[in-house]
C-alpha atoms as a PDB file:
ATOM      1  CA  MET A   1      62.901  19.422  -7.969  1.00  0.00           C
ATOM      2  CA  GLY A   2      63.865  19.490  -3.959  1.00  0.00           C
ATOM      3  CA  TRP A   3      66.221  16.835  -2.597  1.00  0.00           C
ATOM      4  CA  ARG A   4      64.673  13.380  -2.587  1.00  0.00           C
ATOM      5  CA  PRO A   5      66.110  11.811   0.257  1.00  0.00           C
ATOM      6  CA  TRP A   6      65.012   8.635  -0.267  1.00  0.00           C
ATOM      7  CA  SER A   7      66.710   8.252  -3.906  1.00  0.00           C
ATOM      8  CA  PHE A   8      69.806   9.616  -1.903  1.00  0.00           C
ATOM      9  CA  LEU A   9      69.842   6.938   0.949  1.00  0.00           C
ATOM     10  CA  CYS A  10      69.302   4.082  -1.778  1.00  0.00           C
ATOM     11  CA  ARG A  11      72.794   5.758  -4.087  1.00  0.00           C
ATOM     12  CA  LEU A  12      74.484   5.957  -0.731  1.00  0.00           C
ATOM     13  CA  TRP A  13      74.452   2.732   0.686  1.00  0.00           C
ATOM     14  CA  ASN A  14      74.798   1.295  -2.806  1.00  0.00           C
ATOM     15  CA  TYR A  15      78.376   3.137  -3.133  1.00  0.00           C
ATOM     16  CA  PHE A  16      79.708   2.002   0.061  1.00  0.00           C
ATOM     17  CA  CYS A  17      78.429  -1.746  -0.680  1.00  0.00           C
ATOM     18  CA  LYS A  18      80.553  -1.411  -3.899  1.00  0.00           C
ATOM     19  CA  LYS A  19      83.493   0.166  -2.503  1.00  0.00           C
ATOM     20  CA  GLY A  20      85.797  -0.975  -0.019  1.00  0.00           C
ATOM     21  CA  THR A  21      87.816   2.192   0.206  1.00  0.00           C
ATOM     22  CA  VAL A  22      87.336   5.887  -0.338  1.00  0.00           C
ATOM     23  CA  THR A  23      89.754   8.638  -1.273  1.00  0.00           C
ATOM     24  CA  MET A  24      89.868  11.332   0.687  1.00  0.00           C
ATOM     25  CA  PRO A  25      89.597  14.708  -1.796  1.00  0.00           C
ATOM     26  CA  GLN A  26      91.860  16.895   0.337  1.00  0.00           C
ATOM     27  CA  THR A  27      94.741  14.366   1.076  1.00  0.00           C
ATOM     28  CA  ASP A  28      94.644  11.496  -1.913  1.00  0.00           C
ATOM     29  CA  LYS A  29      94.845   8.947   1.064  1.00  0.00           C
ATOM     30  CA  GLN A  30      92.739   6.099   0.819  1.00  0.00           C
ATOM     31  CA  VAL A  31      90.564   5.480   3.943  1.00  0.00           C
ATOM     32  CA  CYS A  32      89.352   1.765   5.069  1.00  0.00           C
ATOM     33  CA  ILE A  33      85.578   1.444   5.329  1.00  0.00           C
ATOM     34  CA  PRO A  34      85.077  -0.473   8.593  1.00  0.00           C
ATOM     35  CA  PRO A  35      83.621  -3.954   6.803  1.00  0.00           C
ATOM     36  CA  GLU A  36      80.103  -3.422   8.732  1.00  0.00           C
ATOM     37  CA  LEU A  37      79.346   0.128   7.224  1.00  0.00           C
ATOM     38  CA  PRO A  38      77.899  -1.345   4.054  1.00  0.00           C
ATOM     39  CA  ASP A  39      75.428  -3.594   6.056  1.00  0.00           C
ATOM     40  CA  LEU A  40      74.608  -0.727   8.472  1.00  0.00           C
ATOM     41  CA  LEU A  41      73.597   1.632   5.874  1.00  0.00           C
ATOM     42  CA  LYS A  42      71.653  -0.997   4.214  1.00  0.00           C
ATOM     43  CA  GLN A  43      69.450  -1.652   6.832  1.00  0.00           C
ATOM     44  CA  PHE A  44      69.608   2.035   7.802  1.00  0.00           C
ATOM     45  CA  THR A  45      68.028   3.028   4.433  1.00  0.00           C
ATOM     46  CA  LYS A  46      65.282   0.250   4.521  1.00  0.00           C
ATOM     47  CA  ALA A  47      64.456   0.987   7.390  1.00  0.00           C
ATOM     48  CA  ALA A  48      64.220   4.962   6.570  1.00  0.00           C
ATOM     49  CA  ILE A  49      62.155   3.902   3.308  1.00  0.00           C
ATOM     50  CA  ARG A  50      59.622   1.398   5.109  1.00  0.00           C
ATOM     51  CA  THR A  51      59.237   4.448   7.666  1.00  0.00           C
ATOM     52  CA  GLN A  52      59.089   7.679   5.364  1.00  0.00           C
ATOM     53  CA  PRO A  53      59.654   9.607   8.990  1.00  0.00           C
ATOM     54  CA  PRO A  54      58.679  13.368   8.129  1.00  0.00           C
ATOM     55  CA  ASP A  55      62.095  14.602   9.855  1.00  0.00           C
ATOM     56  CA  LEU A  56      64.750  12.337   8.125  1.00  0.00           C
ATOM     57  CA  ILE A  57      67.225  14.084  10.372  1.00  0.00           C
ATOM     58  CA  LEU A  58      65.369  13.612  13.846  1.00  0.00           C
ATOM     59  CA  TRP A  59      64.324  10.243  13.179  1.00  0.00           C
ATOM     60  CA  SER A  60      67.855   8.969  12.157  1.00  0.00           C
ATOM     61  CA  SER A  61      69.123  10.447  15.684  1.00  0.00           C
ATOM     62  CA  GLU A  62      66.862   8.130  17.160  1.00  0.00           C
ATOM     63  CA  TYR A  63      67.308   5.154  15.163  1.00  0.00           C
ATOM     64  CA  PHE A  64      71.125   5.087  15.824  1.00  0.00           C
ATOM     65  CA  SER A  65      70.516   5.945  19.388  1.00  0.00           C
ATOM     66  CA  ALA A  66      68.339   3.064  19.753  1.00  0.00           C
ATOM     67  CA  MET A  67      70.772   1.008  17.980  1.00  0.00           C
ATOM     68  CA  ALA A  68      73.459   2.066  20.347  1.00  0.00           C
ATOM     69  CA  ARG A  69      71.350   1.301  23.549  1.00  0.00           C
ATOM     70  CA  GLY A  70      70.609  -2.095  21.862  1.00  0.00           C
ATOM     71  CA  GLU A  71      66.761  -0.945  22.013  1.00  0.00           C
ATOM     72  CA  LEU A  72      64.127  -1.740  19.060  1.00  0.00           C
ATOM     73  CA  PRO A  73      64.790   1.525  16.306  1.00  0.00           C
ATOM     74  CA  PRO A  74      61.293   3.467  15.558  1.00  0.00           C
ATOM     75  CA  VAL A  75      60.774   1.526  12.341  1.00  0.00           C
ATOM     76  CA  ARG A  76      57.685   0.377  11.051  1.00  0.00           C
ATOM     77  CA  GLU A  77      57.211  -3.052  10.790  1.00  0.00           C
ATOM     78  CA  ARG A  78      55.578  -3.808   6.994  1.00  0.00           C
ATOM     79  CA  ALA A  79      55.823  -1.637   4.006  1.00  0.00           C
ATOM     80  CA  ASP A  80      52.067  -2.549   3.086  1.00  0.00           C
ATOM     81  CA  ARG A  81      50.534  -1.386   5.904  1.00  0.00           C
ATOM     82  CA  VAL A  82      51.431   2.609   5.021  1.00  0.00           C
ATOM     83  CA  PRO A  83      48.256   4.093   5.306  1.00  0.00           C
ATOM     84  CA  LEU A  84      46.965   6.749   2.848  1.00  0.00           C
ATOM     85  CA  SER A  85      47.715   9.585   5.220  1.00  0.00           C
ATOM     86  CA  ASN A  86      51.191  10.911   6.061  1.00  0.00           C
ATOM     87  CA  TRP A  87      51.240   9.558   9.550  1.00  0.00           C
ATOM     88  CA  ALA A  88      51.977   5.698  10.586  1.00  0.00           C
ATOM     89  CA  GLU A  89      49.349   3.349  11.767  1.00  0.00           C
ATOM     90  CA  LEU A  90      49.495   2.798  15.336  1.00  0.00           C
ATOM     91  CA  THR A  91      50.521  -1.030  15.740  1.00  0.00           C
ATOM     92  CA  PRO A  92      51.747  -2.921  18.868  1.00  0.00           C
ATOM     93  CA  GLU A  93      55.192  -2.807  17.430  1.00  0.00           C
ATOM     94  CA  LEU A  94      55.217   0.804  17.660  1.00  0.00           C
ATOM     95  CA  LEU A  95      53.848   0.995  21.010  1.00  0.00           C
ATOM     96  CA  LYS A  96      56.489  -1.589  22.097  1.00  0.00           C
ATOM     97  CA  VAL A  97      58.750   0.741  20.513  1.00  0.00           C
ATOM     98  CA  LEU A  98      57.363   3.619  22.788  1.00  0.00           C
ATOM     99  CA  HIS A  99      57.247   1.741  26.019  1.00  0.00           C
ATOM    100  CA  GLN A 100      61.216   1.189  25.253  1.00  0.00           C
ATOM    101  CA  ARG A 101      61.874   4.928  25.246  1.00  0.00           C
ATOM    102  CA  VAL A 102      60.123   5.541  28.602  1.00  0.00           C
ATOM    103  CA  GLY A 103      62.445   3.085  29.889  1.00  0.00           C
ATOM    104  CA  GLY A 104      60.612   1.707  33.172  1.00  0.00           C
ATOM    105  CA  ARG A 105      59.214   5.548  34.143  1.00  0.00           C
ATOM    106  CA  LEU A 106      56.193   5.706  35.760  1.00  0.00           C
ATOM    107  CA  ILE A 107      55.646   9.412  34.678  1.00  0.00           C
ATOM    108  CA  VAL A 108      56.517  11.088  31.993  1.00  0.00           C
ATOM    109  CA  HIS A 109      56.378  14.626  30.493  1.00  0.00           C
ATOM    110  CA  VAL A 110      53.560  15.763  28.056  1.00  0.00           C
ATOM    111  CA  ASP A 111      56.085  17.602  25.713  1.00  0.00           C
ATOM    112  CA  GLU A 112      58.948  14.451  25.710  1.00  0.00           C
ATOM    113  CA  LEU A 113      55.906  11.767  25.465  1.00  0.00           C
ATOM    114  CA  ALA A 114      54.814  14.039  22.578  1.00  0.00           C
ATOM    115  CA  GLN A 115      57.816  14.178  20.932  1.00  0.00           C
ATOM    116  CA  MET A 116      58.312  10.254  21.107  1.00  0.00           C
ATOM    117  CA  TRP A 117      55.316  10.173  19.737  1.00  0.00           C
ATOM    118  CA  LYS A 118      56.235  12.629  16.775  1.00  0.00           C
ATOM    119  CA  VAL A 119      59.558  10.478  15.992  1.00  0.00           C
ATOM    120  CA  LEU A 120      57.646   7.390  15.458  1.00  0.00           C
ATOM    121  CA  ASN A 121      55.116   9.826  12.818  1.00  0.00           C
ATOM    122  CA  LEU A 122      51.767   8.612  15.016  1.00  0.00           C
ATOM    123  CA  PRO A 123      48.689  10.554  14.189  1.00  0.00           C
ATOM    124  CA  THR A 124      48.578  14.043  16.180  1.00  0.00           C
ATOM    125  CA  ASP A 125      45.050  13.468  16.898  1.00  0.00           C
ATOM    126  CA  LEU A 126      45.283  10.107  18.301  1.00  0.00           C
ATOM    127  CA  PHE A 127      47.852  11.406  20.970  1.00  0.00           C
ATOM    128  CA  ASP A 128      45.280  14.473  21.499  1.00  0.00           C
ATOM    129  CA  SER A 129      42.567  12.262  21.777  1.00  0.00           C
ATOM    130  CA  VAL A 130      44.431   9.856  24.409  1.00  0.00           C
ATOM    131  CA  MET A 131      45.241  12.750  26.439  1.00  0.00           C
ATOM    132  CA  ASN A 132      41.768  14.048  26.533  1.00  0.00           C
ATOM    133  CA  VAL A 133      40.381  10.764  27.766  1.00  0.00           C
ATOM    134  CA  GLY A 134      42.509  10.284  30.476  1.00  0.00           C
ATOM    135  CA  ARG A 135      42.280  14.091  31.338  1.00  0.00           C
ATOM    136  CA  PHE A 136      46.121  14.048  31.821  1.00  0.00           C
ATOM    137  CA  THR A 137      48.012  17.247  32.166  1.00  0.00           C
ATOM    138  CA  GLU A 138      51.910  17.973  32.032  1.00  0.00           C
ATOM    139  CA  GLU A 139      52.863  14.863  34.305  1.00  0.00           C
ATOM    140  CA  ILE A 140      51.560  11.641  32.469  1.00  0.00           C
ATOM    141  CA  GLU A 141      50.870   7.996  34.486  1.00  0.00           C
ATOM    142  CA  TRP A 142      52.783   5.919  31.356  1.00  0.00           C
ATOM    143  CA  LEU A 143      50.854   2.924  31.999  1.00  0.00           C
ATOM    144  CA  LYS A 144      47.745   4.806  32.202  1.00  0.00           C
ATOM    145  CA  PHE A 145      48.271   6.431  28.652  1.00  0.00           C
ATOM    146  CA  LEU A 146      49.683   3.031  27.169  1.00  0.00           C
ATOM    147  CA  ALA A 147      46.120   1.559  28.239  1.00  0.00           C
ATOM    148  CA  LEU A 148      44.512   3.937  26.435  1.00  0.00           C
ATOM    149  CA  ALA A 149      46.405   3.692  23.721  1.00  0.00           C
ATOM    150  CA  CYS A 150      46.261  -0.256  23.109  1.00  0.00           C
ATOM    151  CA  SER A 151      42.305   0.133  23.604  1.00  0.00           C
ATOM    152  CA  SER A 152      42.237   2.356  20.365  1.00  0.00           C
ATOM    153  CA  LEU A 153      43.760  -0.899  18.546  1.00  0.00           C
ATOM    154  CA  GLY A 154      41.425  -3.566  21.025  1.00  0.00           C
ATOM    155  CA  VAL A 155      37.665  -3.530  20.230  1.00  0.00           C
ATOM    156  CA  THR A 156      36.699  -5.421  23.673  1.00  0.00           C
ATOM    157  CA  ILE A 157      38.805  -5.094  27.234  1.00  0.00           C
ATOM    158  CA  ALA A 158      40.008  -8.462  26.955  1.00  0.00           C
ATOM    159  CA  LYS A 159      41.695  -7.755  23.462  1.00  0.00           C
ATOM    160  CA  THR A 160      42.821  -4.484  24.946  1.00  0.00           C
ATOM    161  CA  LEU A 161      44.473  -6.504  27.865  1.00  0.00           C
ATOM    162  CA  LYS A 162      46.008  -8.629  25.565  1.00  0.00           C
ATOM    163  CA  ILE A 163      47.953  -6.332  23.681  1.00  0.00           C
ATOM    164  CA  ILE A 164      49.023  -4.726  26.644  1.00  0.00           C
ATOM    165  CA  CYS A 165      50.515  -7.912  27.907  1.00  0.00           C
ATOM    166  CA  GLU A 166      52.235  -8.170  24.464  1.00  0.00           C
ATOM    167  CA  VAL A 167      53.665  -4.763  24.736  1.00  0.00           C
ATOM    168  CA  LEU A 168      54.660  -4.997  28.400  1.00  0.00           C
ATOM    169  CA  SER A 169      55.954  -8.844  28.085  1.00  0.00           C
ATOM    170  CA  ASN A 170      59.714  -9.357  28.318  1.00  0.00           C
ATOM    171  CA  GLU A 171      60.917 -10.570  24.943  1.00  0.00           C
ATOM    172  CA  ASN A 172      63.307 -12.769  26.454  1.00  0.00           C
ATOM    173  CA  ASP A 173      60.714 -15.086  27.668  1.00  0.00           C
ATOM    174  CA  SER A 174      59.416 -18.173  26.361  1.00  0.00           C
ATOM    175  CA  GLY A 175      55.786 -18.725  25.456  1.00  0.00           C
ATOM    176  CA  PRO A 176      52.550 -16.579  25.720  1.00  0.00           C
ATOM    177  CA  ALA A 177      52.968 -13.111  26.751  1.00  0.00           C
ATOM    178  CA  ARG A 178      52.686 -12.326  30.757  1.00  0.00           C
ATOM    179  CA  ILE A 179      52.763  -9.616  33.040  1.00  0.00           C
ATOM    180  CA  PRO A 180      52.861  -9.164  36.941  1.00  0.00           C
ATOM    181  CA  PHE A 181      49.369 -10.035  38.181  1.00  0.00           C
ATOM    182  CA  SER A 182      49.646  -6.632  40.184  1.00  0.00           C
ATOM    183  CA  THR A 183      49.969  -4.524  36.894  1.00  0.00           C
ATOM    184  CA  PHE A 184      47.388  -6.505  35.334  1.00  0.00           C
ATOM    185  CA  GLN A 185      44.621  -5.621  38.349  1.00  0.00           C
ATOM    186  CA  PHE A 186      46.067  -1.755  38.010  1.00  0.00           C
ATOM    187  CA  LEU A 187      45.432  -1.951  34.128  1.00  0.00           C
ATOM    188  CA  TYR A 188      42.116  -3.615  34.082  1.00  0.00           C
ATOM    189  CA  THR A 189      40.575  -1.672  37.018  1.00  0.00           C
ATOM    190  CA  TYR A 190      41.555   1.857  35.254  1.00  0.00           C
ATOM    191  CA  ILE A 191      40.092   0.511  31.770  1.00  0.00           C
ATOM    192  CA  ALA A 192      36.975  -0.551  33.497  1.00  0.00           C
ATOM    193  CA  GLU A 193      36.853   2.648  35.079  1.00  0.00           C
ATOM    194  CA  VAL A 194      37.478   4.585  31.878  1.00  0.00           C
ATOM    195  CA  ASP A 195      34.659   2.309  29.809  1.00  0.00           C
ATOM    196  CA  GLY A 196      31.951   3.144  32.649  1.00  0.00           C
ATOM    197  CA  GLU A 197      29.867   0.278  31.896  1.00  0.00           C
ATOM    198  CA  ILE A 198      31.437  -2.603  34.052  1.00  0.00           C
ATOM    199  CA  SER A 199      30.536  -2.630  37.332  1.00  0.00           C
ATOM    200  CA  ALA A 200      33.055  -2.304  40.455  1.00  0.00           C
ATOM    201  CA  SER A 201      31.608  -5.541  41.881  1.00  0.00           C
ATOM    202  CA  HIS A 202      32.469  -7.566  38.344  1.00  0.00           C
ATOM    203  CA  VAL A 203      35.921  -6.323  38.400  1.00  0.00           C
ATOM    204  CA  SER A 204      36.756  -7.271  41.846  1.00  0.00           C
ATOM    205  CA  ARG A 205      35.159 -10.682  41.129  1.00  0.00           C
ATOM    206  CA  MET A 206      37.390 -11.380  38.170  1.00  0.00           C
ATOM    207  CA  LEU A 207      40.525 -10.326  39.859  1.00  0.00           C
ATOM    208  CA  ASN A 208      39.398 -12.455  43.140  1.00  0.00           C
ATOM    209  CA  TYR A 209      38.968 -15.270  40.782  1.00  0.00           C
ATOM    210  CA  ILE A 210      42.170 -14.648  38.531  1.00  0.00           C
ATOM    211  CA  GLU A 211      44.327 -14.106  41.642  1.00  0.00           C
ATOM    212  CA  GLN A 212      42.958 -17.206  43.840  1.00  0.00           C
ATOM    213  CA  GLU A 213      42.762 -19.893  40.845  1.00  0.00           C
ATOM    214  CA  ILE A 214      44.921 -19.007  38.399  1.00  0.00           C
ATOM    215  CA  ILE A 215      47.925 -16.950  39.371  1.00  0.00           C
ATOM    216  CA  GLY A 216      51.033 -19.174  40.601  1.00  0.00           C
ATOM    217  CA  PRO A 217      53.724 -18.788  42.528  1.00  0.00           C
ATOM    218  CA  ASP A 218      55.494 -16.501  39.908  1.00  0.00           C
ATOM    219  CA  GLY A 219      52.876 -13.619  40.587  1.00  0.00           C
ATOM    220  CA  LEU A 220      52.304 -13.596  36.662  1.00  0.00           C
ATOM    221  CA  ILE A 221      49.450 -13.776  34.452  1.00  0.00           C
ATOM    222  CA  LYS A 222      49.291 -14.932  30.792  1.00  0.00           C
ATOM    223  CA  VAL A 223      47.077 -13.853  27.642  1.00  0.00           C
ATOM    224  CA  THR A 224      45.821 -17.157  27.715  1.00  0.00           C
ATOM    225  CA  ASP A 225      44.602 -17.174  31.683  1.00  0.00           C
ATOM    226  CA  PHE A 226      42.059 -14.657  30.626  1.00  0.00           C
ATOM    227  CA  THR A 227      41.585 -15.098  27.073  1.00  0.00           C
ATOM    228  CA  GLN A 228      40.889 -18.942  27.115  1.00  0.00           C
ATOM    229  CA  ASN A 229      39.546 -19.435  30.785  1.00  0.00           C
ATOM    230  CA  PRO A 230      35.586 -19.299  30.142  1.00  0.00           C
ATOM    231  CA  ARG A 231      35.220 -18.296  33.484  1.00  0.00           C
ATOM    232  CA  VAL A 232      37.414 -15.282  33.468  1.00  0.00           C
ATOM    233  CA  ARG A 233      34.666 -12.450  31.436  1.00  0.00           C
ATOM    234  CA  LEU A 234      36.203  -9.241  31.740  1.00  0.00           C
ATOM    235  CA  GLU A 235      33.669  -7.418  30.362  1.00  0.00           C
END
């Protein structure tokens, strides 16, 4: 039988949870285990088992790098959402992790983005599909890629924009997800163009109404502004 990494990880953190010191075999000296190490290994092990990455070493590097930067690690949120295939299911949570990896850049190289996608264990055919629909080449406009990735989760344009807002929204903000109206304007226009069934005049009317009647001094648009207002019909 081959190496069973998940069983090994379980035994590893159980071992450290039970011991406060460990003896070094070459010196017979006891080295104190940092008190935070057992919990750190426990959380890491649970995350690895939940995510089931195909490349454990690569994923582990991304996991601890994210922790060191204070970011969300590339972890599948719920174990009961494991699909029948070997690939993870795309979720808004994973897209948010991906967005954090991009780090606010407008342009991302295709090789780097493909590697991020691989680390999250997301379907390669979905990545290829987004690349084809967006006609992206080596230099990818991140917000456009994100918009098309979100569209695979949203049945309608409104739902797609809702997901995008939730991905882009600052977690420190209280209340409903919100983003700058200028960003919303760019994304709505782009998605409508890709959709091809929404007239430019309709998009213009909706954006003008939202900007003049809804947007406040802060220049932000909330999800509820375009999902619960009967006068806003994005389709």
